[in-house]
Protein backbone atom coordinates (compact mmCIF):
# COMPACT_ATOMS: atom_id res chain seq x y z
CA UNK A 1 25.26 39.43 -129.62
CA UNK A 2 23.26 36.09 -129.96
CA UNK A 3 25.51 34.47 -127.39
CA UNK A 4 24.81 37.33 -124.87
CA UNK A 5 21.06 37.23 -125.35
CA UNK A 6 21.00 33.51 -125.22
CA UNK A 7 22.88 33.98 -121.61
CA UNK A 8 20.43 36.66 -120.58
CA UNK A 9 17.49 34.52 -121.47
CA UNK A 10 18.55 31.67 -119.40
CA UNK A 11 19.15 29.44 -122.28
CA UNK A 12 20.82 26.28 -120.76
CA UNK A 13 23.16 25.40 -123.79
CA UNK A 14 24.12 27.24 -126.91
CA UNK A 15 25.33 24.87 -129.57
CA UNK A 16 27.98 26.83 -131.87
CA UNK A 17 29.36 25.41 -135.28
CA UNK A 18 32.58 26.46 -136.24
CA UNK A 19 36.22 26.79 -135.31
CA UNK A 20 38.13 28.25 -132.65
CA UNK A 21 37.63 31.93 -133.91
CA UNK A 22 33.93 31.37 -133.84
CA UNK A 23 34.01 29.89 -130.58
CA UNK A 24 36.09 33.04 -129.18
CA UNK A 25 33.53 35.14 -130.53
CA UNK A 26 30.80 33.34 -128.88
CA UNK A 27 32.22 32.89 -125.43
CA UNK A 28 32.52 36.65 -125.27
CA UNK A 29 28.79 36.79 -124.51
CA UNK A 30 28.87 33.45 -122.30
CA UNK A 31 31.51 34.31 -120.09
CA UNK A 32 30.62 34.36 -116.33
CA UNK A 33 27.04 32.93 -117.14
CA UNK A 34 25.33 29.27 -116.70
CA UNK A 35 24.65 29.05 -120.52
CA UNK A 36 26.96 26.24 -121.60
CA UNK A 37 29.15 26.42 -124.89
CA UNK A 38 28.41 23.32 -126.97
CA UNK A 39 31.02 22.93 -129.44
CA UNK A 40 30.54 21.46 -132.93
CA UNK A 41 34.00 21.70 -134.59
CA UNK A 42 34.01 22.70 -138.31
CA UNK A 43 37.15 24.98 -138.47
CA UNK A 44 40.70 24.71 -139.34
CA UNK A 45 42.31 24.20 -135.88
CA UNK A 46 39.54 23.21 -133.61
CA UNK A 47 41.98 23.26 -130.56
CA UNK A 48 38.98 23.76 -128.26
CA UNK A 49 37.17 20.90 -129.44
CA UNK A 50 40.23 18.59 -129.16
CA UNK A 51 41.08 19.64 -125.77
CA UNK A 52 37.64 18.81 -124.63
CA UNK A 53 37.44 15.53 -126.53
CA UNK A 54 34.64 16.43 -128.72
CA UNK A 55 34.29 13.77 -131.65
CA UNK A 56 35.44 14.73 -134.95
CA UNK A 57 32.36 13.29 -136.57
CA UNK A 58 29.70 15.98 -137.09
CA UNK A 59 26.60 13.97 -136.09
CA UNK A 60 28.55 12.68 -132.88
CA UNK A 61 29.55 16.07 -131.96
CA UNK A 62 25.82 17.71 -132.43
CA UNK A 63 24.51 14.92 -130.35
CA UNK A 64 27.26 15.40 -127.50
CA UNK A 65 26.44 19.26 -127.78
CA UNK A 66 22.89 18.54 -127.22
CA UNK A 67 22.98 15.97 -124.61
CA UNK A 68 26.60 15.68 -123.10
CA UNK A 69 27.19 16.64 -119.36
CA UNK A 70 28.00 20.39 -118.44
CA UNK A 71 31.28 21.39 -116.48
CA UNK A 72 33.14 24.59 -115.93
CA UNK A 73 36.23 25.58 -116.99
CA UNK A 74 38.82 28.60 -116.83
CA UNK A 75 39.01 31.42 -119.17
CA UNK A 76 41.79 34.29 -119.41
CA UNK A 77 40.92 37.62 -119.44
CA UNK A 78 42.68 40.89 -120.65
CA UNK A 79 40.87 43.99 -120.28
CA UNK A 80 37.12 43.47 -121.28
CA UNK A 81 38.04 40.47 -123.66
CA UNK A 82 38.44 36.88 -122.85
CA UNK A 83 40.10 33.64 -124.40
CA UNK A 84 39.61 30.19 -123.51
CA UNK A 85 42.63 28.76 -125.27
CA UNK A 86 45.79 31.27 -125.12
CA UNK A 87 47.05 34.82 -125.33
CA UNK A 88 50.14 35.39 -126.82
CA UNK A 89 52.45 37.84 -128.41
CA UNK A 90 55.54 37.43 -130.64
CA UNK A 91 56.23 35.04 -133.60
CA UNK A 92 52.97 32.95 -132.71
CA UNK A 93 50.77 35.97 -133.13
CA UNK A 94 52.72 36.74 -136.29
CA UNK A 95 52.04 33.33 -137.77
CA UNK A 96 48.32 33.59 -136.54
CA UNK A 97 47.86 36.86 -138.44
CA UNK A 98 49.59 35.29 -141.51
CA UNK A 99 47.53 32.11 -141.21
CA UNK A 100 44.08 34.32 -141.22
CA UNK A 101 45.13 35.80 -144.53
CA UNK A 102 45.34 32.34 -146.35
CA UNK A 103 42.55 31.45 -148.72
CA UNK A 104 44.19 28.43 -150.46
CA UNK A 105 44.73 26.11 -147.96
CA UNK A 106 42.57 24.35 -145.21
CA UNK A 107 43.31 22.65 -141.95
CA UNK A 108 46.58 22.35 -140.15
CA UNK A 109 48.60 22.98 -143.27
CA UNK A 110 47.61 26.63 -143.02
CA UNK A 111 49.75 26.69 -139.81
CA UNK A 112 52.58 25.11 -141.36
CA UNK A 113 52.68 27.08 -144.15
CA UNK A 114 52.41 30.29 -142.16
CA UNK A 115 55.32 29.19 -139.61
CA UNK A 116 57.60 29.08 -142.75
CA UNK A 117 56.35 32.46 -144.47
CA UNK A 118 56.56 34.37 -141.12
CA UNK A 119 60.04 33.14 -140.28
CA UNK A 120 61.57 34.56 -143.43
CA UNK A 121 61.12 38.26 -142.01
CA UNK A 122 60.67 37.79 -138.30
CA UNK A 123 62.85 39.63 -135.70
CA UNK A 124 62.68 38.69 -132.21
CA UNK A 125 61.37 41.52 -130.16
CA UNK A 126 62.69 42.66 -126.50
CA UNK A 127 59.95 41.08 -124.10
CA UNK A 128 59.10 41.74 -120.44
CA UNK A 129 56.83 39.19 -118.95
CA UNK A 130 55.89 39.76 -114.96
CA UNK A 131 54.62 36.43 -113.54
CA UNK A 132 53.90 35.16 -110.17
CA UNK A 133 57.44 33.62 -109.87
CA UNK A 134 59.17 36.78 -111.27
CA UNK A 135 60.26 38.48 -114.33
CA UNK A 136 61.63 37.46 -117.61
CA UNK A 137 63.17 40.10 -119.73
CA UNK A 138 65.03 39.90 -123.06
CA UNK A 139 65.06 39.32 -126.69
CA UNK A 140 62.72 36.27 -127.08
CA UNK A 141 60.56 34.48 -130.07
CA UNK A 142 57.22 34.72 -128.06
CA UNK A 143 55.35 34.45 -124.80
CA UNK A 144 52.08 32.61 -124.63
CA UNK A 145 49.95 32.08 -121.53
CA UNK A 146 48.30 28.83 -122.47
CA UNK A 147 44.94 27.58 -120.85
CA UNK A 148 44.82 24.55 -123.24
CA UNK A 149 47.36 22.21 -123.99
CA UNK A 150 47.41 22.64 -127.72
CA UNK A 151 46.74 25.76 -130.22
CA UNK A 152 47.59 26.23 -134.05
CA UNK A 153 45.55 23.20 -135.15
CA UNK A 154 47.26 20.48 -132.75
CA UNK A 155 50.51 21.95 -131.81
CA UNK A 156 51.00 20.89 -127.99
CA UNK A 157 52.41 24.26 -126.99
CA UNK A 158 51.84 23.36 -123.46
CA UNK A 159 51.44 20.01 -123.16
CA UNK A 160 50.56 19.77 -119.31
CA UNK A 161 48.08 22.43 -119.37
CA UNK A 162 44.81 21.78 -117.77
CA UNK A 163 41.73 23.71 -118.62
CA UNK A 164 40.12 23.60 -115.17
CA UNK A 165 43.05 24.14 -112.75
CA UNK A 166 42.86 27.81 -112.09
CA UNK A 167 46.47 28.31 -113.51
CA UNK A 168 47.92 29.43 -116.88
CA UNK A 169 50.98 27.64 -118.58
CA UNK A 170 53.21 30.34 -119.21
CA UNK A 171 55.49 29.38 -122.44
CA UNK A 172 58.23 31.76 -123.09
CA UNK A 173 60.73 30.94 -125.78
CA UNK A 174 63.97 32.84 -126.04
CA UNK A 175 65.55 34.00 -129.20
CA UNK A 176 66.93 31.26 -131.39
CA UNK A 177 68.28 31.22 -134.90
CA UNK A 178 65.93 30.65 -137.72
CA UNK A 179 67.46 27.12 -138.42
CA UNK A 180 67.36 26.41 -134.68
CA UNK A 181 63.40 27.07 -134.59
CA UNK A 182 62.85 24.98 -137.80
CA UNK A 183 64.49 22.10 -136.03
CA UNK A 184 62.50 22.34 -132.88
CA UNK A 185 59.16 23.24 -134.60
CA UNK A 186 57.98 19.86 -135.75
CA UNK A 187 58.51 18.58 -132.14
CA UNK A 188 55.92 20.93 -130.82
CA UNK A 189 53.09 18.88 -132.36
CA UNK A 190 54.18 16.02 -129.70
CA UNK A 191 54.97 18.39 -126.98
CA UNK A 192 58.70 17.30 -127.27
CA UNK A 193 59.88 20.99 -127.41
CA UNK A 194 59.77 20.91 -123.60
CA UNK A 195 63.21 20.58 -122.28
CA UNK A 196 64.65 22.44 -125.05
CA UNK A 197 67.15 25.21 -123.61
CA UNK A 198 65.59 28.11 -124.99
CA UNK A 199 62.11 27.21 -123.95
CA UNK A 200 60.93 28.02 -120.17
CA UNK A 201 57.30 26.99 -118.79
CA UNK A 202 56.04 27.91 -115.66
CA UNK A 203 52.64 28.27 -113.96
CA UNK A 204 50.86 31.69 -112.87
CA UNK A 205 47.45 33.30 -112.36
CA UNK A 206 48.53 36.28 -113.76
CA UNK A 207 50.91 37.87 -116.44
CA UNK A 208 52.04 41.41 -117.66
CA UNK A 209 53.26 41.44 -120.99
CA UNK A 210 55.34 44.15 -122.84
CA UNK A 211 57.16 44.62 -125.98
CA UNK A 212 59.24 47.00 -127.62
CA UNK A 213 57.69 47.52 -131.05
CA UNK A 214 53.97 47.73 -132.28
CA UNK A 215 52.46 44.21 -131.95
CA UNK A 216 49.26 42.35 -131.49
CA UNK A 217 48.26 40.16 -128.72
CA UNK A 218 46.33 37.26 -130.18
CA UNK A 219 43.90 34.75 -128.49
CA UNK A 220 41.92 31.87 -129.96
CA UNK A 221 43.11 32.63 -133.49
CA UNK A 222 41.90 36.02 -133.12
CA UNK A 223 43.45 39.57 -132.69
CA UNK A 224 42.52 40.57 -129.17
CA UNK A 225 44.31 44.04 -128.82
CA UNK A 226 47.16 46.19 -130.17
CA UNK A 227 50.41 46.40 -128.20
CA UNK A 228 52.28 49.83 -128.49
CA UNK A 229 55.94 49.89 -127.52
CA UNK A 230 56.05 49.84 -123.41
CA UNK A 231 52.43 48.94 -123.26
CA UNK A 232 51.76 46.97 -119.98
CA UNK A 233 49.07 44.35 -120.68
CA UNK A 234 47.84 42.27 -118.02
CA UNK A 235 46.06 39.05 -118.32
CA UNK A 236 44.81 36.95 -115.52
CA UNK A 237 43.01 33.39 -115.27
CA UNK A 238 39.46 33.44 -114.37
CA UNK A 239 38.68 29.93 -112.78
CA UNK A 240 35.38 28.39 -113.54
CA UNK A 241 34.21 31.14 -115.58
CA UNK A 242 32.82 29.36 -118.72
CA UNK A 243 30.38 26.73 -118.82
CA UNK A 244 30.82 23.99 -121.60
CA UNK A 245 29.26 20.74 -122.60
CA UNK A 246 31.99 18.07 -122.41
């Protein structure tokens, strides 16, 4: 609400302190406006800050948010909601749900712990993904439409993604064994999973996702909307829809 009010009042920049979840909520009120989001990272993942090159030191980040240059970057829209980082369903969203319940860990260790815990009971859903280049259908670990190269506290899930190219990097990981996923998981931090036979990455302006069981679509580390079996959830890139400092 405060972010929307700032945008309506003509504020030039709104400085927001927190993690990716906090930024996710703030941008809901800033999308499509000229009010720039000034990111001061103070969360567990800080993937937006990392992708923008925001300094990790608090005083330097604040100085940049106050006086740094303003530019426009893309957003992803699904219905009335927006995400600056990604929208995804499947194993990654289940990991995020688990990570959000953790109280005894901080930083990237949360996501590593959540991956291991989620993997113990996860069963790959049947996914259908319509995109500009065609259709994927079959059992898969997850599908993620990424606007940033990284998520989950530094995992370079879409290493070549650009935040201002008007395109989404759609990452689909087909069904693999649990042992196979554990072998490839560490490679994600360096973007070295690209080229694995189960991983497909393509660029698209829109995607329509559907699953065969109740799941939740996540973005920016937060639940965006529930997905019932057979729901067709359409998401699209909005070029230059968010002003940011950096």
